[in-house]
Amino acid sequence: MLPRCLVSALALLLCACAQLPPAPTAGYALSGRLSIREGNSAQQALFSWQSAPDEDRLSLDSPLGQTLALLTIRYRPDGQAAEAILERGGEAPEYASDPRALLLSLTGLDLPLNGLRWWLQGEAAPFSSARRDEQDGIVTVSQDGWTIVSQDYRPLGKRQQPFRLNAQRDEVQLRIVISEASTASEPEHALSTAP
């Protein structure tokens, strides 16, 4: 009897560990600033990220507020990107299946877009192996060669939202500071770090 219980308990534990972090069900919106540094090169932008279960929209603006690019990412049910559309100014939209490569080729920004929708929530992306550690309110995720440190967690709807994220891979360093966050279904939970 004991071995059967042990096998059942182990099976339940493995199933619990294998559950994927869900795509946002009600949607959320984040805005703030980001900086990306690679070697001696550095770029900064303001951003607005709107997330829904099957689509994300990322707006990148200059520090003066001029829209530089609008990237729409549509997802398959497994969470992988299915299509990316990049719009800039009055130019014709550009389409691709890889949002990161599209953004890099047209703007020079090398953002880890494949995992960012989950990393912005302090979670690992569900489609590749990862390690997640949490200690003293700081979450560290190691995934796809990136080390992502999320901190400054605050309540947002029914979950905790990190307001600071640092991600690094080799010489590339990405810093994100969120100034406003809200959920689509609970706008009264909007938060702001602005004075």
Protein backbone atom coordinates (compact mmCIF):
# COMPACT_ATOMS: atom_id res chain seq x y z
CA MET A 1 0.00 0.00 0.00
CA LEU A 2 2.77 2.43 0.83
CA PRO A 3 4.50 2.15 -2.56
CA ARG A 4 1.20 2.82 -4.37
CA CYS A 5 0.59 5.95 -2.24
CA LEU A 6 4.15 7.09 -2.83
CA VAL A 7 3.79 6.62 -6.60
CA SER A 8 0.46 8.49 -6.57
CA ALA A 9 1.92 11.35 -4.53
CA LEU A 10 4.92 11.57 -6.85
CA ALA A 11 2.63 11.60 -9.90
CA LEU A 12 0.56 14.42 -8.40
CA LEU A 13 3.70 16.40 -7.57
CA LEU A 14 5.06 16.00 -11.10
CA CYS A 15 1.73 17.09 -12.61
CA ALA A 16 1.69 20.17 -10.37
CA CYS A 17 5.24 21.07 -11.39
CA ALA A 18 4.44 20.63 -15.06
CA GLN A 19 1.57 23.13 -15.13
CA LEU A 20 2.26 26.06 -17.42
CA PRO A 21 1.88 29.63 -16.27
CA PRO A 22 -1.34 30.83 -17.84
CA ALA A 23 -1.54 33.47 -20.48
CA PRO A 24 -3.25 36.56 -19.08
CA THR A 25 -6.96 35.75 -18.91
CA ALA A 26 -8.37 39.23 -18.35
CA GLY A 27 -5.50 41.16 -19.86
CA TYR A 28 -3.30 43.78 -18.32
CA ALA A 29 -1.50 46.95 -19.30
CA LEU A 30 1.94 48.14 -18.22
CA SER A 31 3.83 51.29 -19.05
CA GLY A 32 7.17 52.71 -18.05
CA ARG A 33 10.68 52.98 -19.38
CA LEU A 34 13.26 50.53 -20.60
CA SER A 35 16.92 50.67 -21.38
CA ILE A 36 19.01 48.14 -23.21
CA ARG A 37 22.79 48.10 -23.20
CA GLU A 38 25.09 45.94 -25.29
CA GLY A 39 28.79 46.63 -24.91
CA ASN A 40 29.29 50.37 -25.40
CA SER A 41 25.90 50.86 -27.09
CA ALA A 42 22.84 51.90 -25.09
CA GLN A 43 19.27 52.75 -26.05
CA GLN A 44 16.35 54.02 -24.00
CA ALA A 45 12.64 54.17 -24.70
CA LEU A 46 9.31 54.65 -23.03
CA PHE A 47 7.00 51.67 -23.47
CA SER A 48 3.41 50.64 -23.18
CA TRP A 49 2.58 46.90 -23.09
CA GLN A 50 -1.02 45.71 -23.48
CA SER A 51 -1.48 41.99 -23.00
CA ALA A 52 -4.43 39.72 -23.75
CA PRO A 53 -4.55 35.92 -23.93
CA ASP A 54 -3.89 35.75 -27.68
CA GLU A 55 -2.20 39.07 -28.46
CA ASP A 56 0.25 41.61 -27.06
CA ARG A 57 0.80 45.17 -28.23
CA LEU A 58 4.09 46.92 -27.46
CA SER A 59 4.43 50.62 -28.17
CA LEU A 60 7.94 52.07 -28.04
CA ASP A 61 8.23 55.83 -27.70
CA SER A 62 11.14 58.25 -27.58
CA PRO A 63 11.92 59.90 -24.23
CA LEU A 64 10.02 62.92 -25.60
CA GLY A 65 6.90 60.80 -26.24
CA GLN A 66 7.07 60.35 -30.02
CA THR A 67 5.97 56.85 -31.07
CA LEU A 68 8.90 55.02 -32.64
CA ALA A 69 7.25 51.66 -33.28
CA LEU A 70 4.13 49.66 -32.52
CA LEU A 71 4.62 45.90 -32.39
CA THR A 72 1.65 43.51 -32.32
CA ILE A 73 2.38 39.88 -31.43
CA ARG A 74 -0.29 37.22 -31.97
CA TYR A 75 0.11 33.89 -30.17
CA ARG A 76 -0.72 30.26 -30.81
CA PRO A 77 -2.50 28.32 -28.04
CA ASP A 78 0.87 26.95 -26.81
CA GLY A 79 2.11 30.50 -26.09
CA GLN A 80 4.57 30.69 -29.00
CA ALA A 81 4.42 33.68 -31.30
CA ALA A 82 2.45 33.01 -34.48
CA GLU A 83 2.75 36.42 -36.15
CA ALA A 84 4.35 39.78 -35.54
CA ILE A 85 3.37 43.09 -37.13
CA LEU A 86 5.59 46.15 -36.78
CA GLU A 87 4.27 49.60 -37.64
CA ARG A 88 6.48 52.72 -37.79
CA GLY A 89 5.26 56.19 -38.68
CA GLY A 90 3.63 56.36 -42.09
CA GLU A 91 5.48 53.30 -43.41
CA ALA A 92 3.78 50.09 -44.53
CA PRO A 93 3.50 47.49 -41.75
CA GLU A 94 6.12 44.74 -41.69
CA TYR A 95 5.07 41.13 -40.98
CA ALA A 96 7.11 38.19 -39.65
CA SER A 97 6.74 35.04 -37.58
CA ASP A 98 9.61 36.00 -35.22
CA PRO A 99 8.84 39.23 -33.31
CA ARG A 100 12.34 39.57 -31.86
CA ALA A 101 14.05 39.33 -35.25
CA LEU A 102 11.54 41.75 -36.79
CA LEU A 103 12.03 44.37 -34.07
CA LEU A 104 15.82 43.96 -34.21
CA SER A 105 16.04 44.31 -37.98
CA LEU A 106 13.84 47.40 -38.17
CA THR A 107 14.68 49.29 -34.97
CA GLY A 108 17.98 47.89 -33.70
CA LEU A 109 16.39 46.93 -30.35
CA ASP A 110 17.21 43.33 -29.36
CA LEU A 111 14.47 42.58 -26.83
CA PRO A 112 13.82 38.99 -25.65
CA LEU A 113 10.20 39.12 -26.80
CA ASN A 114 9.65 35.35 -26.76
CA GLY A 115 9.76 35.27 -22.96
CA LEU A 116 9.03 38.86 -22.03
CA ARG A 117 5.25 38.49 -21.66
CA TRP A 118 5.84 36.02 -18.80
CA TRP A 119 9.00 37.62 -17.40
CA LEU A 120 7.11 40.90 -16.96
CA GLN A 121 4.91 38.96 -14.51
CA GLY A 122 7.86 37.38 -12.69
CA GLU A 123 7.23 33.98 -14.30
CA ALA A 124 9.16 31.71 -16.65
CA ALA A 125 7.88 31.26 -20.20
CA PRO A 126 6.12 27.88 -20.55
CA PHE A 127 7.79 26.63 -23.74
CA SER A 128 11.41 26.14 -22.62
CA SER A 129 13.12 24.88 -19.49
CA ALA A 130 13.78 27.37 -16.75
CA ARG A 131 14.81 27.75 -13.17
CA ARG A 132 12.84 30.06 -10.87
CA ASP A 133 14.00 31.07 -7.41
CA GLU A 134 12.27 33.38 -4.98
CA GLN A 135 13.93 34.92 -1.94
CA ASP A 136 13.06 37.99 0.14
CA GLY A 137 10.59 39.35 -2.45
CA ILE A 138 13.05 39.01 -5.34
CA VAL A 139 12.32 36.47 -8.10
CA THR A 140 15.16 35.22 -10.31
CA VAL A 141 14.36 33.30 -13.48
CA SER A 142 17.09 31.69 -15.61
CA GLN A 143 15.82 30.84 -19.08
CA ASP A 144 17.12 30.71 -22.66
CA GLY A 145 20.51 32.08 -21.58
CA TRP A 146 18.90 35.05 -19.79
CA THR A 147 18.95 35.77 -16.07
CA ILE A 148 15.91 37.83 -15.11
CA VAL A 149 15.61 39.46 -11.69
CA SER A 150 12.14 40.81 -10.80
CA GLN A 151 11.47 42.89 -7.71
CA ASP A 152 9.34 45.63 -6.17
CA TYR A 153 6.19 43.47 -6.21
CA ARG A 154 2.82 45.13 -5.64
CA PRO A 155 -0.76 43.84 -5.77
CA LEU A 156 -2.42 44.03 -9.17
CA GLY A 157 -5.87 42.49 -9.35
CA LYS A 158 -5.51 38.94 -8.01
CA ARG A 159 -1.75 38.66 -8.45
CA GLN A 160 1.51 40.35 -7.54
CA GLN A 161 3.13 42.50 -10.25
CA PRO A 162 6.87 43.23 -10.31
CA PHE A 163 7.62 46.89 -11.03
CA ARG A 164 11.37 46.46 -11.66
CA LEU A 165 12.98 43.91 -13.94
CA ASN A 166 16.63 43.43 -14.87
CA ALA A 167 17.51 40.86 -17.53
CA GLN A 168 21.00 39.95 -18.70
CA ARG A 169 22.46 37.61 -21.30
CA ASP A 170 26.16 37.81 -22.11
CA GLU A 171 26.87 41.53 -22.71
CA VAL A 172 23.21 42.47 -23.22
CA GLN A 173 21.49 44.10 -20.25
CA LEU A 174 17.81 45.06 -20.24
CA ARG A 175 16.28 47.19 -17.47
CA ILE A 176 12.57 47.83 -17.16
CA VAL A 177 10.91 50.14 -14.66
CA ILE A 178 7.12 50.04 -14.67
CA SER A 179 5.43 53.29 -13.73
CA GLU A 180 1.79 52.24 -14.25
CA ALA A 181 -0.02 48.91 -14.26
CA SER A 182 -3.67 47.95 -14.57
CA THR A 183 -5.84 44.96 -15.33
CA ALA A 184 -8.45 45.10 -18.07
CA SER A 185 -11.22 43.70 -15.90
CA GLU A 186 -10.34 45.63 -12.75
CA PRO A 187 -9.28 49.16 -13.71
CA GLU A 188 -9.72 50.25 -10.11
CA HIS A 189 -6.56 48.25 -9.33
CA ALA A 190 -4.43 50.56 -11.45
CA LEU A 191 -1.15 51.38 -9.77
CA SER A 192 1.31 54.13 -10.36
CA THR A 193 4.78 54.88 -9.08
CA ALA A 194 4.62 58.43 -10.40
CA PRO A 195 4.70 61.12 -7.69
